[in-house]
Amino acid sequence: MLQYYIKTTEALKQLRTDSNGVVSFEYVIVAACIVAAVTAAFGTTTGTGIGAALTTAIGKVTTAVTAAA
């Protein structure tokens, strides 16, 4: 168990001093912000955000097609 702790500690020390690790971590932060923005825009259900607008538009198209037929 101690050997895994030591390996993990050494890996974290190397990541902290490695400039590529910092850039990778920054990409993770940017990706998390993008996911949050997309979730806020689309909403988690069809009752909010763009999901609601799409549901309404599809309903109008369906009604128009049904009335035309």
N, C-alpha and C. Protein backbone atom coordinates (compact mmCIF):
# COMPACT_ATOMS: atom_id res chain seq x y z
N MET A 1 0.83 -1.19 0.00
CA MET A 1 0.00 0.00 0.00
C MET A 1 0.87 1.25 0.00
N LEU A 2 1.95 1.20 0.75
CA LEU A 2 2.86 2.35 0.85
C LEU A 2 3.52 2.64 -0.49
N GLN A 3 3.83 1.59 -1.25
CA GLN A 3 4.48 1.80 -2.54
C GLN A 3 3.56 2.55 -3.51
N TYR A 4 2.26 2.29 -3.44
CA TYR A 4 1.32 3.00 -4.31
C TYR A 4 1.21 4.47 -3.91
N TYR A 5 1.26 4.71 -2.62
CA TYR A 5 1.22 6.09 -2.13
C TYR A 5 2.45 6.85 -2.61
N ILE A 6 3.60 6.21 -2.52
CA ILE A 6 4.85 6.86 -2.95
C ILE A 6 4.82 7.12 -4.44
N LYS A 7 4.35 6.13 -5.23
CA LYS A 7 4.27 6.32 -6.68
C LYS A 7 3.30 7.44 -7.04
N THR A 8 2.18 7.50 -6.35
CA THR A 8 1.19 8.54 -6.60
C THR A 8 1.76 9.90 -6.24
N THR A 9 2.43 9.99 -5.11
CA THR A 9 3.03 11.25 -4.68
C THR A 9 4.08 11.71 -5.68
N GLU A 10 4.90 10.80 -6.15
CA GLU A 10 5.93 11.15 -7.13
C GLU A 10 5.30 11.59 -8.45
N ALA A 11 4.24 10.92 -8.86
CA ALA A 11 3.55 11.30 -10.10
C ALA A 11 2.95 12.69 -9.99
N LEU A 12 2.37 13.01 -8.84
CA LEU A 12 1.78 14.34 -8.64
C LEU A 12 2.86 15.41 -8.60
N LYS A 13 4.00 15.11 -7.99
CA LYS A 13 5.11 16.06 -7.98
C LYS A 13 5.60 16.32 -9.40
N GLN A 14 5.71 15.27 -10.20
CA GLN A 14 6.16 15.41 -11.58
C GLN A 14 5.14 16.20 -12.39
N LEU A 15 3.87 15.95 -12.16
CA LEU A 15 2.82 16.67 -12.88
C LEU A 15 2.85 18.15 -12.53
N ARG A 16 3.13 18.45 -11.27
CA ARG A 16 3.16 19.84 -10.82
C ARG A 16 4.30 20.61 -11.48
N THR A 17 5.43 19.96 -11.72
CA THR A 17 6.58 20.64 -12.32
C THR A 17 6.58 20.55 -13.83
N ASP A 18 5.77 19.66 -14.41
CA ASP A 18 5.73 19.47 -15.85
C ASP A 18 4.81 20.51 -16.48
N SER A 19 5.33 21.28 -17.41
CA SER A 19 4.50 22.32 -18.04
C SER A 19 3.40 21.72 -18.90
N ASN A 20 3.60 20.54 -19.47
CA ASN A 20 2.55 19.89 -20.25
C ASN A 20 1.38 19.50 -19.38
N GLY A 21 1.65 19.13 -18.13
CA GLY A 21 0.57 18.78 -17.21
C GLY A 21 -0.30 19.97 -16.89
N VAL A 22 0.33 21.15 -16.78
CA VAL A 22 -0.42 22.37 -16.50
C VAL A 22 -1.33 22.69 -17.67
N VAL A 23 -0.83 22.57 -18.87
CA VAL A 23 -1.64 22.85 -20.05
C VAL A 23 -2.80 21.87 -20.13
N SER A 24 -2.55 20.60 -19.86
CA SER A 24 -3.61 19.61 -19.88
C SER A 24 -4.68 19.95 -18.85
N PHE A 25 -4.27 20.39 -17.67
CA PHE A 25 -5.22 20.75 -16.63
C PHE A 25 -6.04 21.95 -17.05
N GLU A 26 -5.42 22.90 -17.74
CA GLU A 26 -6.16 24.06 -18.23
C GLU A 26 -7.20 23.63 -19.26
N TYR A 27 -6.87 22.68 -20.10
CA TYR A 27 -7.85 22.16 -21.07
C TYR A 27 -9.03 21.51 -20.36
N VAL A 28 -8.77 20.82 -19.27
CA VAL A 28 -9.86 20.20 -18.51
C VAL A 28 -10.78 21.27 -17.95
N ILE A 29 -10.21 22.36 -17.45
CA ILE A 29 -11.03 23.45 -16.91
C ILE A 29 -11.86 24.09 -18.02
N VAL A 30 -11.26 24.32 -19.18
CA VAL A 30 -11.99 24.91 -20.31
C VAL A 30 -13.11 23.98 -20.77
N ALA A 31 -12.82 22.68 -20.84
CA ALA A 31 -13.84 21.72 -21.24
C ALA A 31 -15.01 21.70 -20.26
N ALA A 32 -14.71 21.79 -18.97
CA ALA A 32 -15.78 21.81 -17.96
C ALA A 32 -16.64 23.06 -18.12
N CYS A 33 -16.02 24.20 -18.44
CA CYS A 33 -16.79 25.42 -18.66
C CYS A 33 -17.67 25.31 -19.90
N ILE A 34 -17.17 24.69 -20.94
CA ILE A 34 -17.97 24.51 -22.16
C ILE A 34 -19.16 23.60 -21.89
N VAL A 35 -18.93 22.52 -21.16
CA VAL A 35 -20.03 21.61 -20.81
C VAL A 35 -21.08 22.34 -19.99
N ALA A 36 -20.65 23.18 -19.05
CA ALA A 36 -21.60 23.93 -18.23
C ALA A 36 -22.40 24.91 -19.09
N ALA A 37 -21.74 25.57 -20.04
CA ALA A 37 -22.44 26.53 -20.91
C ALA A 37 -23.45 25.84 -21.81
N VAL A 38 -23.07 24.69 -22.36
CA VAL A 38 -24.00 23.94 -23.22
C VAL A 38 -25.18 23.44 -22.41
N THR A 39 -24.92 22.96 -21.21
CA THR A 39 -26.00 22.49 -20.35
C THR A 39 -26.94 23.63 -19.99
N ALA A 40 -26.38 24.81 -19.73
CA ALA A 40 -27.23 25.96 -19.41
C ALA A 40 -28.06 26.40 -20.61
N ALA A 41 -27.49 26.32 -21.81
CA ALA A 41 -28.21 26.74 -23.01
C ALA A 41 -29.31 25.76 -23.39
N PHE A 42 -28.97 24.48 -23.38
CA PHE A 42 -29.93 23.48 -23.80
C PHE A 42 -30.84 23.03 -22.67
N GLY A 43 -30.43 23.23 -21.44
CA GLY A 43 -31.21 22.77 -20.31
C GLY A 43 -31.10 21.27 -20.16
N THR A 44 -31.51 20.79 -19.02
CA THR A 44 -31.43 19.35 -18.79
C THR A 44 -32.72 18.65 -19.14
N THR A 45 -33.76 19.40 -19.42
CA THR A 45 -35.04 18.82 -19.84
C THR A 45 -35.54 19.57 -21.08
N THR A 46 -36.59 19.08 -21.67
CA THR A 46 -37.15 19.77 -22.84
C THR A 46 -38.05 20.93 -22.43
N GLY A 47 -38.18 21.18 -21.16
CA GLY A 47 -39.02 22.28 -20.68
C GLY A 47 -38.29 23.60 -20.55
N THR A 48 -36.96 23.60 -20.73
CA THR A 48 -36.19 24.83 -20.57
C THR A 48 -35.22 25.01 -21.72
N GLY A 49 -34.78 26.24 -21.91
CA GLY A 49 -33.73 26.55 -22.87
C GLY A 49 -34.11 26.24 -24.30
N ILE A 50 -33.13 25.86 -25.06
CA ILE A 50 -33.32 25.57 -26.48
C ILE A 50 -34.19 24.33 -26.66
N GLY A 51 -34.16 23.42 -25.70
CA GLY A 51 -35.00 22.23 -25.77
C GLY A 51 -36.47 22.59 -25.88
N ALA A 52 -36.89 23.60 -25.12
CA ALA A 52 -38.29 24.04 -25.18
C ALA A 52 -38.61 24.66 -26.53
N ALA A 53 -37.69 25.45 -27.06
CA ALA A 53 -37.92 26.07 -28.37
C ALA A 53 -38.02 25.02 -29.46
N LEU A 54 -37.16 24.01 -29.40
CA LEU A 54 -37.21 22.94 -30.41
C LEU A 54 -38.50 22.14 -30.29
N THR A 55 -38.92 21.86 -29.09
CA THR A 55 -40.17 21.11 -28.89
C THR A 55 -41.35 21.89 -29.46
N THR A 56 -41.38 23.19 -29.20
CA THR A 56 -42.46 24.03 -29.73
C THR A 56 -42.44 24.07 -31.26
N ALA A 57 -41.25 24.23 -31.82
CA ALA A 57 -41.13 24.30 -33.29
C ALA A 57 -41.53 23.00 -33.94
N ILE A 58 -41.12 21.89 -33.37
CA ILE A 58 -41.48 20.58 -33.93
C ILE A 58 -42.98 20.36 -33.82
N GLY A 59 -43.57 20.82 -32.74
CA GLY A 59 -45.03 20.71 -32.59
C GLY A 59 -45.76 21.52 -33.64
N LYS A 60 -45.27 22.72 -33.92
CA LYS A 60 -45.91 23.57 -34.95
C LYS A 60 -45.78 22.93 -36.34
N VAL A 61 -44.62 22.38 -36.64
CA VAL A 61 -44.41 21.73 -37.93
C VAL A 61 -45.33 20.52 -38.06
N THR A 62 -45.44 19.74 -37.01
CA THR A 62 -46.31 18.56 -37.03
C THR A 62 -47.76 18.96 -37.24
N THR A 63 -48.19 20.03 -36.57
CA THR A 63 -49.57 20.51 -36.73
C THR A 63 -49.81 20.99 -38.16
N ALA A 64 -48.85 21.72 -38.73
CA ALA A 64 -49.00 22.23 -40.10
C ALA A 64 -49.05 21.09 -41.10
N VAL A 65 -48.21 20.08 -40.92
CA VAL A 65 -48.20 18.94 -41.84
C VAL A 65 -49.50 18.16 -41.74
N THR A 66 -50.00 17.97 -40.53
CA THR A 66 -51.25 17.25 -40.32
C THR A 66 -52.42 18.01 -40.94
N ALA A 67 -52.43 19.34 -40.78
CA ALA A 67 -53.51 20.15 -41.35
C ALA A 67 -53.45 20.17 -42.88
N ALA A 68 -52.26 20.13 -43.44
CA ALA A 68 -52.11 20.16 -44.90
C ALA A 68 -52.51 18.84 -45.53
N ALA A 69 -52.36 17.76 -44.79
CA ALA A 69 -52.69 16.44 -45.35
C ALA A 69 -54.12 16.20 -45.18
